Amino acid sequence: MGLRDATADRERRDLVTRQVMDESRLIRFVAAPDGSVAPDLARKLPGRGMWVEATRAAVTQAAAKNLFARAAKAPLKPAADLADLVEGLLVRRCLDQLGLARREGVLISGFEKAAAAIRSGKAAWLVEAADGSADGRGKLLALAKWRTPRPKVFGAFTADDLSLALGLENAIHAVLLEGGRADRWTFEVERLAGFRPLAPPEWRGDAAEDPDEFSDGRGSAS
């Protein structure tokens, strides 16, 4: 069972819209001892949780209107750049998941190995460096297009980001294989999608025949 499945039957109310949503679509915050508002992405910090939809707009609005103080009934002071802080933490969690996947042997790197993994039909995600060459990326995308189910595509990190996370030099192409680790990565990526595009806008030209090639992880174009 992936994290998304584990939280799908638990619902919380978003501070901004007041709508009830699955926990998987929300970010948990708690009041810190110093009166600030702390993001609790792992959902383990003590204290009463305050839940906000996992989007930049929602977190920015919650901080600007100080909806946290109202929810906590306490004089909290959320940081003005709270959305940036959440995004940074989500980026770190996504990169950590990739590092763990490589150590577990479920992340395949390099063009030829990535192509073989896609052909095997076991690829859950094609992870491409945002600053990688269009030629290699295009070939892997073309190969992935004919797989069922088709691997999702992620391109929000640079080659330097990926190389550092994976402990490799010049990491450009990688495939995350289906399984529990891919489920956990998807959970983090879906939250990150609310804060930044999952692929550069110019990549859409690589998928002219299919505008849904690059999604935000939630089933809509980023």
N, C-alpha and C. Protein backbone atom coordinates (compact mmCIF):
# COMPACT_ATOMS: atom_id res chain seq x y z
N MET A 1 0.84 -1.19 0.00
CA MET A 1 0.00 0.00 0.00
C MET A 1 0.88 1.24 0.00
N GLY A 2 0.64 2.17 -0.92
CA GLY A 2 1.39 3.41 -0.97
C GLY A 2 0.85 4.41 0.03
N LEU A 3 1.62 5.48 0.24
CA LEU A 3 1.19 6.51 1.17
C LEU A 3 -0.13 7.13 0.75
N ARG A 4 -0.30 7.26 -0.57
CA ARG A 4 -1.55 7.84 -1.04
C ARG A 4 -2.73 6.98 -0.64
N ASP A 5 -2.59 5.67 -0.78
CA ASP A 5 -3.67 4.77 -0.39
C ASP A 5 -3.91 4.82 1.11
N ALA A 6 -2.82 4.96 1.87
CA ALA A 6 -2.93 4.95 3.32
C ALA A 6 -3.68 6.17 3.84
N THR A 7 -3.62 7.28 3.11
CA THR A 7 -4.27 8.50 3.57
C THR A 7 -5.58 8.79 2.84
N ALA A 8 -5.90 7.98 1.84
CA ALA A 8 -7.06 8.28 0.99
C ALA A 8 -8.38 8.23 1.76
N ASP A 9 -8.41 7.46 2.86
CA ASP A 9 -9.66 7.35 3.59
C ASP A 9 -9.70 8.30 4.79
N ARG A 10 -8.69 9.19 4.91
CA ARG A 10 -8.68 10.18 5.98
C ARG A 10 -8.84 11.56 5.36
N GLU A 11 -9.75 12.32 5.89
CA GLU A 11 -10.03 13.63 5.32
C GLU A 11 -9.84 14.72 6.35
N ARG A 12 -9.43 15.89 5.87
CA ARG A 12 -9.23 17.06 6.73
C ARG A 12 -9.81 18.27 6.04
N ARG A 13 -10.03 19.33 6.80
CA ARG A 13 -10.59 20.55 6.22
C ARG A 13 -9.48 21.54 5.90
N ASP A 14 -9.46 22.00 4.68
CA ASP A 14 -8.49 22.99 4.23
C ASP A 14 -8.80 24.34 4.89
N LEU A 15 -7.79 24.98 5.48
CA LEU A 15 -7.99 26.26 6.16
C LEU A 15 -8.46 27.35 5.20
N VAL A 16 -8.06 27.27 3.95
CA VAL A 16 -8.34 28.36 3.01
C VAL A 16 -9.75 28.26 2.43
N THR A 17 -10.08 27.14 1.84
CA THR A 17 -11.38 26.99 1.18
C THR A 17 -12.46 26.43 2.11
N ARG A 18 -12.02 25.85 3.23
CA ARG A 18 -12.90 25.17 4.17
C ARG A 18 -13.49 23.90 3.59
N GLN A 19 -12.95 23.47 2.48
CA GLN A 19 -13.41 22.22 1.87
C GLN A 19 -12.73 21.03 2.54
N VAL A 20 -13.45 19.93 2.64
CA VAL A 20 -12.89 18.69 3.18
C VAL A 20 -12.20 17.94 2.04
N MET A 21 -10.95 17.57 2.27
CA MET A 21 -10.15 16.90 1.24
C MET A 21 -9.44 15.69 1.84
N ASP A 22 -9.00 14.80 0.97
CA ASP A 22 -8.13 13.70 1.40
C ASP A 22 -6.82 14.27 1.93
N GLU A 23 -6.26 13.65 2.94
CA GLU A 23 -4.99 14.10 3.50
C GLU A 23 -3.89 14.15 2.45
N SER A 24 -3.98 13.27 1.46
CA SER A 24 -2.93 13.22 0.44
C SER A 24 -2.84 14.51 -0.36
N ARG A 25 -3.88 15.34 -0.31
CA ARG A 25 -3.89 16.60 -1.07
C ARG A 25 -3.53 17.80 -0.20
N LEU A 26 -3.14 17.56 1.03
CA LEU A 26 -2.95 18.64 1.98
C LEU A 26 -1.56 18.62 2.61
N ILE A 27 -1.15 19.79 3.10
CA ILE A 27 0.08 19.91 3.88
C ILE A 27 -0.32 20.17 5.33
N ARG A 28 0.30 19.45 6.23
CA ARG A 28 0.03 19.65 7.67
C ARG A 28 1.01 20.68 8.24
N PHE A 29 0.49 21.57 9.06
CA PHE A 29 1.30 22.55 9.76
C PHE A 29 0.99 22.44 11.26
N VAL A 30 1.98 22.81 12.08
CA VAL A 30 1.76 22.86 13.53
C VAL A 30 2.35 24.16 14.07
N ALA A 31 1.88 24.55 15.23
CA ALA A 31 2.41 25.73 15.90
C ALA A 31 3.75 25.36 16.54
N ALA A 32 4.79 26.12 16.23
CA ALA A 32 6.11 25.90 16.83
C ALA A 32 6.18 26.60 18.18
N PRO A 33 7.09 26.16 19.05
CA PRO A 33 7.20 26.78 20.38
C PRO A 33 7.48 28.28 20.34
N ASP A 34 8.14 28.77 19.27
CA ASP A 34 8.47 30.19 19.19
C ASP A 34 7.35 31.03 18.58
N GLY A 35 6.20 30.41 18.31
CA GLY A 35 5.07 31.15 17.76
C GLY A 35 5.03 31.18 16.25
N SER A 36 5.99 30.54 15.61
CA SER A 36 5.97 30.46 14.15
C SER A 36 5.11 29.27 13.72
N VAL A 37 4.97 29.10 12.42
CA VAL A 37 4.20 27.99 11.87
C VAL A 37 5.16 27.04 11.16
N ALA A 38 5.16 25.79 11.57
CA ALA A 38 6.11 24.81 11.03
C ALA A 38 5.41 23.82 10.10
N PRO A 39 5.90 23.69 8.87
CA PRO A 39 5.37 22.64 7.99
C PRO A 39 5.74 21.27 8.55
N ASP A 40 4.81 20.35 8.53
CA ASP A 40 5.05 18.99 9.01
C ASP A 40 4.78 18.02 7.88
N LEU A 41 5.70 17.94 6.94
CA LEU A 41 5.48 17.13 5.75
C LEU A 41 5.43 15.64 6.06
N ALA A 42 6.13 15.23 7.12
CA ALA A 42 6.12 13.82 7.50
C ALA A 42 4.93 13.48 8.40
N ARG A 43 4.22 14.51 8.86
CA ARG A 43 3.02 14.34 9.70
C ARG A 43 3.34 13.60 10.98
N LYS A 44 4.44 14.02 11.63
CA LYS A 44 4.87 13.36 12.86
C LYS A 44 5.06 14.33 14.02
N LEU A 45 5.03 15.64 13.75
CA LEU A 45 5.27 16.60 14.82
C LEU A 45 4.10 16.63 15.79
N PRO A 46 4.39 16.82 17.07
CA PRO A 46 3.29 16.90 18.05
C PRO A 46 2.49 18.18 17.90
N GLY A 47 1.29 18.15 18.40
CA GLY A 47 0.45 19.33 18.35
C GLY A 47 -0.72 19.16 17.41
N ARG A 48 -1.66 20.08 17.52
CA ARG A 48 -2.85 20.04 16.68
C ARG A 48 -2.49 20.42 15.25
N GLY A 49 -2.85 19.59 14.32
CA GLY A 49 -2.53 19.85 12.93
C GLY A 49 -3.43 20.90 12.32
N MET A 50 -2.85 21.73 11.47
CA MET A 50 -3.59 22.71 10.68
C MET A 50 -3.30 22.39 9.23
N TRP A 51 -4.33 22.18 8.42
CA TRP A 51 -4.18 21.59 7.11
C TRP A 51 -4.48 22.60 6.00
N VAL A 52 -3.60 22.65 5.01
CA VAL A 52 -3.75 23.56 3.88
C VAL A 52 -3.52 22.78 2.59
N GLU A 53 -4.32 23.06 1.58
CA GLU A 53 -4.15 22.39 0.29
C GLU A 53 -2.71 22.54 -0.20
N ALA A 54 -2.19 21.49 -0.78
CA ALA A 54 -0.79 21.46 -1.22
C ALA A 54 -0.60 22.23 -2.52
N THR A 55 -0.81 23.54 -2.46
CA THR A 55 -0.55 24.42 -3.59
C THR A 55 0.10 25.69 -3.07
N ARG A 56 0.90 26.31 -3.93
CA ARG A 56 1.55 27.57 -3.56
C ARG A 56 0.51 28.64 -3.22
N ALA A 57 -0.54 28.73 -4.04
CA ALA A 57 -1.54 29.76 -3.82
C ALA A 57 -2.21 29.61 -2.47
N ALA A 58 -2.56 28.38 -2.08
CA ALA A 58 -3.26 28.15 -0.83
C ALA A 58 -2.36 28.47 0.37
N VAL A 59 -1.12 28.01 0.33
CA VAL A 59 -0.21 28.26 1.45
C VAL A 59 0.09 29.75 1.57
N THR A 60 0.28 30.42 0.43
CA THR A 60 0.54 31.87 0.43
C THR A 60 -0.64 32.62 1.05
N GLN A 61 -1.85 32.23 0.67
CA GLN A 61 -3.03 32.90 1.19
C GLN A 61 -3.20 32.63 2.69
N ALA A 62 -2.95 31.40 3.11
CA ALA A 62 -3.08 31.07 4.53
C ALA A 62 -2.11 31.88 5.37
N ALA A 63 -0.90 32.08 4.84
CA ALA A 63 0.10 32.86 5.58
C ALA A 63 -0.25 34.34 5.57
N ALA A 64 -0.66 34.86 4.40
CA ALA A 64 -0.96 36.29 4.27
C ALA A 64 -2.14 36.70 5.15
N LYS A 65 -3.15 35.84 5.26
CA LYS A 65 -4.32 36.15 6.08
C LYS A 65 -4.19 35.63 7.51
N ASN A 66 -3.06 34.99 7.77
CA ASN A 66 -2.79 34.38 9.08
C ASN A 66 -3.96 33.53 9.55
N LEU A 67 -4.39 32.64 8.67
CA LEU A 67 -5.46 31.72 9.02
C LEU A 67 -5.01 30.70 10.07
N PHE A 68 -3.71 30.57 10.23
CA PHE A 68 -3.18 29.64 11.24
C PHE A 68 -3.51 30.13 12.65
N ALA A 69 -3.37 31.44 12.88
CA ALA A 69 -3.68 31.98 14.20
C ALA A 69 -5.14 31.76 14.55
N ARG A 70 -6.00 31.93 13.56
CA ARG A 70 -7.43 31.72 13.79
C ARG A 70 -7.70 30.26 14.13
N ALA A 71 -7.06 29.36 13.38
CA ALA A 71 -7.29 27.93 13.61
C ALA A 71 -6.76 27.48 14.96
N ALA A 72 -5.60 28.01 15.35
CA ALA A 72 -4.97 27.60 16.60
C ALA A 72 -5.49 28.38 17.80
N LYS A 73 -6.21 29.47 17.52
CA LYS A 73 -6.68 30.36 18.58
C LYS A 73 -5.50 30.82 19.43
N ALA A 74 -4.44 31.21 18.71
CA ALA A 74 -3.20 31.65 19.36
C ALA A 74 -2.50 32.65 18.43
N PRO A 75 -1.70 33.56 18.98
CA PRO A 75 -1.03 34.59 18.17
C PRO A 75 0.17 34.06 17.38
N LEU A 76 -0.10 33.22 16.39
CA LEU A 76 0.98 32.66 15.57
C LEU A 76 1.44 33.67 14.52
N LYS A 77 2.69 33.53 14.09
CA LYS A 77 3.25 34.42 13.08
C LYS A 77 3.90 33.60 11.97
N PRO A 78 3.13 33.23 10.96
CA PRO A 78 3.70 32.45 9.84
C PRO A 78 4.68 33.29 9.05
N ALA A 79 5.72 32.66 8.54
CA ALA A 79 6.72 33.35 7.73
C ALA A 79 6.10 33.82 6.42
N ALA A 80 6.52 34.98 5.96
CA ALA A 80 6.00 35.51 4.71
C ALA A 80 6.35 34.60 3.53
N ASP A 81 7.48 33.90 3.63
CA ASP A 81 7.92 33.01 2.55
C ASP A 81 7.60 31.55 2.87
N LEU A 82 6.49 31.33 3.56
CA LEU A 82 6.14 29.97 3.98
C LEU A 82 6.00 29.03 2.79
N ALA A 83 5.42 29.51 1.69
CA ALA A 83 5.26 28.66 0.51
C ALA A 83 6.61 28.24 -0.05
N ASP A 84 7.58 29.15 -0.06
CA ASP A 84 8.92 28.81 -0.53
C ASP A 84 9.56 27.76 0.38
N LEU A 85 9.33 27.90 1.68
CA LEU A 85 9.87 26.93 2.64
C LEU A 85 9.29 25.55 2.38
N VAL A 86 7.98 25.49 2.17
CA VAL A 86 7.34 24.20 1.90
C VAL A 86 7.88 23.60 0.61
N GLU A 87 8.01 24.41 -0.43
CA GLU A 87 8.54 23.90 -1.69
C GLU A 87 9.93 23.32 -1.51
N GLY A 88 10.79 24.03 -0.78
CA GLY A 88 12.14 23.53 -0.55
C GLY A 88 12.16 22.20 0.18
N LEU A 89 11.28 22.07 1.15
CA LEU A 89 11.19 20.80 1.89
C LEU A 89 10.68 19.67 1.01
N LEU A 90 9.73 19.98 0.14
CA LEU A 90 9.21 18.96 -0.78
C LEU A 90 10.27 18.53 -1.78
N VAL A 91 11.04 19.50 -2.28
CA VAL A 91 12.15 19.17 -3.19
C VAL A 91 13.11 18.21 -2.51
N ARG A 92 13.46 18.51 -1.25
CA ARG A 92 14.39 17.66 -0.52
C ARG A 92 13.84 16.25 -0.35
N ARG A 93 12.55 16.15 -0.06
CA ARG A 93 11.95 14.85 0.13
C ARG A 93 11.91 14.05 -1.17
N CYS A 94 11.65 14.72 -2.28
CA CYS A 94 11.64 14.04 -3.58
C CYS A 94 13.04 13.53 -3.94
N LEU A 95 14.03 14.37 -3.72
CA LEU A 95 15.40 13.96 -4.02
C LEU A 95 15.84 12.81 -3.11
N ASP A 96 15.44 12.88 -1.86
CA ASP A 96 15.78 11.78 -0.93
C ASP A 96 15.15 10.47 -1.38
N GLN A 97 13.92 10.53 -1.89
CA GLN A 97 13.26 9.32 -2.37
C GLN A 97 14.03 8.71 -3.54
N LEU A 98 14.55 9.56 -4.42
CA LEU A 98 15.34 9.04 -5.54
C LEU A 98 16.62 8.39 -5.06
N GLY A 99 17.28 9.01 -4.08
CA GLY A 99 18.48 8.41 -3.52
C GLY A 99 18.21 7.06 -2.90
N LEU A 100 17.13 6.95 -2.15
CA LEU A 100 16.75 5.68 -1.55
C LEU A 100 16.43 4.64 -2.63
N ALA A 101 15.75 5.08 -3.68
CA ALA A 101 15.39 4.17 -4.77
C ALA A 101 16.65 3.59 -5.42
N ARG A 102 17.66 4.41 -5.62
CA ARG A 102 18.89 3.91 -6.24
C ARG A 102 19.57 2.90 -5.32
N ARG A 103 19.61 3.20 -4.01
CA ARG A 103 20.26 2.27 -3.09
C ARG A 103 19.51 0.94 -3.01
N GLU A 104 18.20 1.00 -3.23
CA GLU A 104 17.40 -0.22 -3.20
C GLU A 104 17.40 -0.97 -4.53
N GLY A 105 18.01 -0.38 -5.54
CA GLY A 105 18.10 -1.03 -6.84
C GLY A 105 16.85 -0.90 -7.69
N VAL A 106 15.97 0.05 -7.36
CA VAL A 106 14.75 0.21 -8.14
C VAL A 106 14.76 1.50 -8.97
N LEU A 107 15.90 2.15 -9.02
CA LEU A 107 16.07 3.29 -9.91
C LEU A 107 17.21 2.98 -10.86
N ILE A 108 16.93 3.02 -12.15
CA ILE A 108 17.88 2.68 -13.19
C ILE A 108 18.35 3.98 -13.85
N SER A 109 19.66 4.16 -13.97
CA SER A 109 20.19 5.40 -14.56
C SER A 109 21.01 5.10 -15.80
N GLY A 110 21.13 6.12 -16.65
CA GLY A 110 21.85 5.97 -17.90
C GLY A 110 20.89 5.72 -19.05
N PHE A 111 21.24 6.22 -20.24
CA PHE A 111 20.31 6.15 -21.37
C PHE A 111 19.95 4.71 -21.74
N GLU A 112 20.94 3.87 -21.95
CA GLU A 112 20.66 2.50 -22.41
C GLU A 112 19.89 1.70 -21.38
N LYS A 113 20.27 1.82 -20.12
CA LYS A 113 19.57 1.08 -19.07
C LYS A 113 18.16 1.61 -18.89
N ALA A 114 18.00 2.93 -19.01
CA ALA A 114 16.66 3.52 -18.90
C ALA A 114 15.77 3.02 -20.04
N ALA A 115 16.33 2.94 -21.25
CA ALA A 115 15.56 2.46 -22.40
C ALA A 115 15.14 1.00 -22.19
N ALA A 116 16.06 0.19 -21.67
CA ALA A 116 15.74 -1.22 -21.42
C ALA A 116 14.65 -1.35 -20.36
N ALA A 117 14.72 -0.50 -19.33
CA ALA A 117 13.71 -0.55 -18.27
C ALA A 117 12.34 -0.17 -18.81
N ILE A 118 12.31 0.81 -19.72
CA ILE A 118 11.03 1.20 -20.32
C ILE A 118 10.48 0.07 -21.17
N ARG A 119 11.34 -0.56 -21.96
CA ARG A 119 10.90 -1.69 -22.79
C ARG A 119 10.35 -2.84 -21.96
N SER A 120 10.87 -3.00 -20.75
CA SER A 120 10.43 -4.10 -19.89
C SER A 120 8.99 -3.94 -19.42
N GLY A 121 8.46 -2.70 -19.52
CA GLY A 121 7.09 -2.44 -19.07
C GLY A 121 6.98 -2.24 -17.58
N LYS A 122 8.11 -2.13 -16.88
CA LYS A 122 8.08 -1.98 -15.43
C LYS A 122 8.39 -0.57 -14.96
N ALA A 123 8.50 0.37 -15.89
CA ALA A 123 8.86 1.74 -15.53
C ALA A 123 7.63 2.50 -15.04
N ALA A 124 7.72 3.05 -13.84
CA ALA A 124 6.62 3.88 -13.31
C ALA A 124 6.84 5.35 -13.67
N TRP A 125 8.11 5.79 -13.61
CA TRP A 125 8.45 7.18 -13.90
C TRP A 125 9.71 7.26 -14.75
N LEU A 126 9.69 8.15 -15.73
CA LEU A 126 10.89 8.53 -16.46
C LEU A 126 11.33 9.86 -15.87
N VAL A 127 12.52 9.88 -15.26
CA VAL A 127 13.04 11.08 -14.61
C VAL A 127 14.15 11.63 -15.48
N GLU A 128 13.95 12.83 -16.01
CA GLU A 128 14.90 13.45 -16.92
C GLU A 128 15.42 14.77 -16.33
N ALA A 129 16.71 15.02 -16.51
CA ALA A 129 17.28 16.29 -16.06
C ALA A 129 16.67 17.44 -16.87
N ALA A 130 16.28 18.50 -16.18
CA ALA A 130 15.64 19.64 -16.85
C ALA A 130 16.56 20.27 -17.89
N ASP A 131 17.87 20.17 -17.65
CA ASP A 131 18.83 20.77 -18.56
C ASP A 131 19.53 19.73 -19.43
N GLY A 132 18.94 18.55 -19.57
CA GLY A 132 19.52 17.52 -20.43
C GLY A 132 19.23 17.78 -21.89
N SER A 133 19.86 17.01 -22.75
CA SER A 133 19.68 17.23 -24.19
C SER A 133 18.31 16.76 -24.65
N ALA A 134 17.75 17.49 -25.60
CA ALA A 134 16.44 17.14 -26.13
C ALA A 134 16.49 15.83 -26.91
N ASP A 135 17.63 15.52 -27.51
CA ASP A 135 17.74 14.32 -28.35
C ASP A 135 17.52 13.04 -27.54
N GLY A 136 18.30 12.87 -26.48
CA GLY A 136 18.14 11.67 -25.66
C GLY A 136 16.79 11.59 -25.00
N ARG A 137 16.31 12.72 -24.50
CA ARG A 137 15.00 12.75 -23.87
C ARG A 137 13.90 12.38 -24.87
N GLY A 138 14.01 12.92 -26.07
CA GLY A 138 13.00 12.63 -27.09
C GLY A 138 12.94 11.16 -27.44
N LYS A 139 14.09 10.51 -27.50
CA LYS A 139 14.11 9.08 -27.82
C LYS A 139 13.45 8.25 -26.73
N LEU A 140 13.71 8.61 -25.47
CA LEU A 140 13.10 7.86 -24.37
C LEU A 140 11.60 8.12 -24.29
N LEU A 141 11.21 9.36 -24.55
CA LEU A 141 9.78 9.69 -24.55
C LEU A 141 9.05 8.92 -25.65
N ALA A 142 9.69 8.85 -26.81
CA ALA A 142 9.08 8.12 -27.92
C ALA A 142 8.92 6.64 -27.57
N LEU A 143 9.92 6.10 -26.88
CA LEU A 143 9.86 4.70 -26.47
C LEU A 143 8.76 4.48 -25.43
N ALA A 144 8.66 5.42 -24.48
CA ALA A 144 7.68 5.30 -23.41
C ALA A 144 6.25 5.45 -23.92
N LYS A 145 6.10 6.16 -25.03
CA LYS A 145 4.76 6.45 -25.54
C LYS A 145 3.97 5.20 -25.87
N TRP A 146 4.67 4.12 -26.19
CA TRP A 146 3.98 2.91 -26.62
C TRP A 146 3.84 1.88 -25.50
N ARG A 147 4.25 2.27 -24.28
CA ARG A 147 4.10 1.35 -23.15
C ARG A 147 2.72 1.50 -22.52
N THR A 148 2.19 0.40 -21.99
CA THR A 148 0.92 0.43 -21.29
C THR A 148 1.09 -0.29 -19.95
N PRO A 149 0.92 0.42 -18.82
CA PRO A 149 0.64 1.85 -18.73
C PRO A 149 1.88 2.67 -19.07
N ARG A 150 1.68 3.87 -19.54
CA ARG A 150 2.78 4.73 -19.94
C ARG A 150 3.46 5.32 -18.70
N PRO A 151 4.79 5.29 -18.63
CA PRO A 151 5.47 5.92 -17.49
C PRO A 151 5.16 7.41 -17.41
N LYS A 152 5.00 7.93 -16.20
CA LYS A 152 4.87 9.36 -16.01
C LYS A 152 6.24 10.01 -16.20
N VAL A 153 6.23 11.28 -16.54
CA VAL A 153 7.48 12.00 -16.84
C VAL A 153 7.72 13.09 -15.82
N PHE A 154 8.95 13.16 -15.33
CA PHE A 154 9.34 14.19 -14.36
C PHE A 154 10.60 14.88 -14.85
N GLY A 155 10.60 16.22 -14.84
CA GLY A 155 11.78 16.95 -15.28
C GLY A 155 11.98 18.25 -14.52
N ALA A 156 11.72 18.24 -13.21
CA ALA A 156 11.80 19.47 -12.42
C ALA A 156 13.17 19.71 -11.80
N PHE A 157 14.08 18.73 -11.91
CA PHE A 157 15.39 18.87 -11.29
C PHE A 157 16.48 18.93 -12.35
N THR A 158 17.55 19.66 -12.07
CA THR A 158 18.68 19.76 -12.98
C THR A 158 19.57 18.52 -12.87
N ALA A 159 20.51 18.42 -13.79
CA ALA A 159 21.47 17.31 -13.75
C ALA A 159 22.27 17.35 -12.46
N ASP A 160 22.63 18.56 -12.00
CA ASP A 160 23.38 18.68 -10.75
C ASP A 160 22.55 18.18 -9.57
N ASP A 161 21.26 18.53 -9.55
CA ASP A 161 20.37 18.06 -8.48
C ASP A 161 20.33 16.53 -8.45
N LEU A 162 20.12 15.94 -9.63
CA LEU A 162 20.00 14.49 -9.72
C LEU A 162 21.32 13.79 -9.39
N SER A 163 22.41 14.36 -9.88
CA SER A 163 23.72 13.75 -9.64
C SER A 163 24.03 13.70 -8.15
N LEU A 164 23.73 14.80 -7.45
CA LEU A 164 24.00 14.85 -6.01
C LEU A 164 23.11 13.87 -5.27
N ALA A 165 21.84 13.80 -5.63
CA ALA A 165 20.91 12.90 -4.95
C ALA A 165 21.25 11.44 -5.18
N LEU A 166 21.73 11.12 -6.38
CA LEU A 166 21.99 9.72 -6.75
C LEU A 166 23.44 9.31 -6.50
N GLY A 167 24.29 10.27 -6.20
CA GLY A 167 25.70 9.94 -6.00
C GLY A 167 26.38 9.54 -7.29
N LEU A 168 25.96 10.17 -8.40
CA LEU A 168 26.50 9.86 -9.71
C LEU A 168 27.06 11.11 -10.36
N GLU A 169 27.84 10.94 -11.41
CA GLU A 169 28.31 12.06 -12.20
C GLU A 169 27.41 12.22 -13.42
N ASN A 170 26.98 13.44 -13.66
CA ASN A 170 26.21 13.77 -14.86
C ASN A 170 24.98 12.88 -15.04
N ALA A 171 24.14 12.84 -14.02
CA ALA A 171 22.90 12.06 -14.09
C ALA A 171 21.88 12.80 -14.95
N ILE A 172 21.50 12.21 -16.07
CA ILE A 172 20.57 12.85 -17.02
C ILE A 172 19.27 12.06 -17.17
N HIS A 173 19.41 10.75 -17.36
CA HIS A 173 18.25 9.88 -17.60
C HIS A 173 18.12 8.86 -16.48
N ALA A 174 16.92 8.67 -15.97
CA ALA A 174 16.70 7.64 -14.95
C ALA A 174 15.27 7.13 -15.06
N VAL A 175 15.09 5.91 -14.63
CA VAL A 175 13.76 5.30 -14.60
C VAL A 175 13.53 4.74 -13.21
N LEU A 176 12.39 5.08 -12.64
CA LEU A 176 11.98 4.54 -11.34
C LEU A 176 11.00 3.40 -11.60
N LEU A 177 11.35 2.22 -11.12
CA LEU A 177 10.55 1.04 -11.38
C LEU A 177 9.31 0.99 -10.50
N GLU A 178 8.29 0.30 -10.98
CA GLU A 178 7.04 0.16 -10.24
C GLU A 178 7.29 -0.51 -8.90
N GLY A 179 6.47 -0.15 -7.92
CA GLY A 179 6.59 -0.76 -6.60
C GLY A 179 6.36 0.26 -5.50
N GLY A 180 6.65 -0.15 -4.27
CA GLY A 180 6.39 0.69 -3.12
C GLY A 180 7.16 1.99 -3.13
N ARG A 181 8.42 1.95 -3.55
CA ARG A 181 9.20 3.18 -3.57
C ARG A 181 8.64 4.17 -4.59
N ALA A 182 8.20 3.66 -5.72
CA ALA A 182 7.58 4.53 -6.73
C ALA A 182 6.30 5.15 -6.19
N ASP A 183 5.55 4.40 -5.38
CA ASP A 183 4.33 4.94 -4.77
C ASP A 183 4.67 6.09 -3.83
N ARG A 184 5.73 5.91 -3.04
CA ARG A 184 6.11 6.96 -2.10
C ARG A 184 6.62 8.19 -2.84
N TRP A 185 7.38 7.96 -3.91
CA TRP A 185 7.85 9.08 -4.74
C TRP A 185 6.66 9.82 -5.35
N THR A 186 5.68 9.09 -5.86
CA THR A 186 4.51 9.71 -6.46
C THR A 186 3.78 10.58 -5.46
N PHE A 187 3.65 10.10 -4.24
CA PHE A 187 3.00 10.87 -3.18
C PHE A 187 3.68 12.22 -2.98
N GLU A 188 5.02 12.23 -2.92
CA GLU A 188 5.76 13.48 -2.73
C GLU A 188 5.67 14.36 -3.98
N VAL A 189 5.77 13.76 -5.15
CA VAL A 189 5.72 14.52 -6.39
C VAL A 189 4.37 15.20 -6.58
N GLU A 190 3.31 14.52 -6.21
CA GLU A 190 1.98 15.11 -6.36
C GLU A 190 1.82 16.35 -5.49
N ARG A 191 2.47 16.35 -4.32
CA ARG A 191 2.43 17.55 -3.49
C ARG A 191 3.33 18.65 -4.08
N LEU A 192 4.49 18.26 -4.57
CA LEU A 192 5.38 19.24 -5.19
C LEU A 192 4.74 19.90 -6.40
N ALA A 193 3.88 19.18 -7.10
CA ALA A 193 3.24 19.71 -8.32
C ALA A 193 2.41 20.94 -8.04
N GLY A 194 2.01 21.15 -6.81
CA GLY A 194 1.26 22.34 -6.47
C GLY A 194 2.13 23.57 -6.30
N PHE A 195 3.45 23.38 -6.35
CA PHE A 195 4.37 24.48 -6.09
C PHE A 195 5.29 24.81 -7.27
N ARG A 196 5.49 23.85 -8.15
CA ARG A 196 6.31 24.10 -9.35
C ARG A 196 5.92 23.13 -10.45
N PRO A 197 6.12 23.52 -11.71
CA PRO A 197 5.84 22.59 -12.82
C PRO A 197 6.73 21.36 -12.72
N LEU A 198 6.22 20.23 -13.12
CA LEU A 198 7.01 19.00 -13.06
C LEU A 198 7.90 18.81 -14.28
N ALA A 199 7.81 19.71 -15.25
CA ALA A 199 8.69 19.68 -16.41
C ALA A 199 8.74 21.08 -17.01
N PRO A 200 9.86 21.47 -17.63
CA PRO A 200 9.95 22.79 -18.26
C PRO A 200 8.88 22.96 -19.33
N PRO A 201 8.31 24.17 -19.46
CA PRO A 201 7.25 24.40 -20.45
C PRO A 201 7.67 24.05 -21.88
N GLU A 202 8.96 24.27 -22.20
CA GLU A 202 9.40 24.01 -23.57
C GLU A 202 9.39 22.52 -23.92
N TRP A 203 9.30 21.65 -22.93
CA TRP A 203 9.25 20.22 -23.21
C TRP A 203 7.96 19.83 -23.90
N ARG A 204 6.95 20.67 -23.82
CA ARG A 204 5.67 20.30 -24.44
C ARG A 204 5.82 20.08 -25.94
N GLY A 205 6.81 20.70 -26.53
CA GLY A 205 7.06 20.48 -27.95
C GLY A 205 7.49 19.06 -28.25
N ASP A 206 8.04 18.39 -27.22
CA ASP A 206 8.44 16.99 -27.40
C ASP A 206 7.24 16.06 -27.44
N ALA A 207 6.07 16.59 -27.07
CA ALA A 207 4.87 15.73 -26.97
C ALA A 207 3.73 16.33 -27.77
N ALA A 208 4.07 16.86 -28.95
CA ALA A 208 3.06 17.57 -29.74
C ALA A 208 1.86 16.71 -30.07
N GLU A 209 2.07 15.41 -30.18
CA GLU A 209 0.94 14.54 -30.53
C GLU A 209 0.11 14.17 -29.31
N ASP A 210 0.60 14.48 -28.13
CA ASP A 210 -0.13 14.13 -26.92
C ASP A 210 0.10 15.19 -25.87
N PRO A 211 -0.79 16.18 -25.74
CA PRO A 211 -0.60 17.28 -24.80
C PRO A 211 -0.63 16.85 -23.35
N ASP A 212 -1.09 15.64 -23.07
CA ASP A 212 -1.14 15.18 -21.68
C ASP A 212 0.12 14.41 -21.28
N GLU A 213 1.12 14.40 -22.15
CA GLU A 213 2.36 13.67 -21.87
C GLU A 213 2.96 14.10 -20.55
N PHE A 214 2.95 15.42 -20.30
CA PHE A 214 3.54 15.94 -19.08
C PHE A 214 2.42 16.39 -18.16
N SER A 215 2.18 15.64 -17.11
CA SER A 215 1.11 15.98 -16.18
C SER A 215 1.70 16.45 -14.87
N ASP A 216 0.83 16.98 -14.01
CA ASP A 216 1.29 17.46 -12.72
C ASP A 216 1.27 16.36 -11.66
N GLY A 217 1.11 15.11 -12.10
CA GLY A 217 1.04 14.01 -11.16
C GLY A 217 -0.36 13.76 -10.64
N ARG A 218 -1.29 14.72 -10.90
CA ARG A 218 -2.66 14.58 -10.44
C ARG A 218 -3.61 14.37 -11.60
N GLY A 219 -3.02 14.23 -12.81
CA GLY A 219 -3.86 13.93 -13.96
C GLY A 219 -4.17 15.11 -14.82
N SER A 220 -3.61 16.31 -14.50
CA SER A 220 -3.84 17.49 -15.34
C SER A 220 -2.53 18.07 -15.75
N ALA A 221 -2.53 18.84 -16.85
CA ALA A 221 -1.31 19.40 -17.35
C ALA A 221 -0.75 20.40 -16.37
N SER A 222 0.58 20.43 -16.27
CA SER A 222 1.21 21.37 -15.33
C SER A 222 1.41 22.69 -15.97
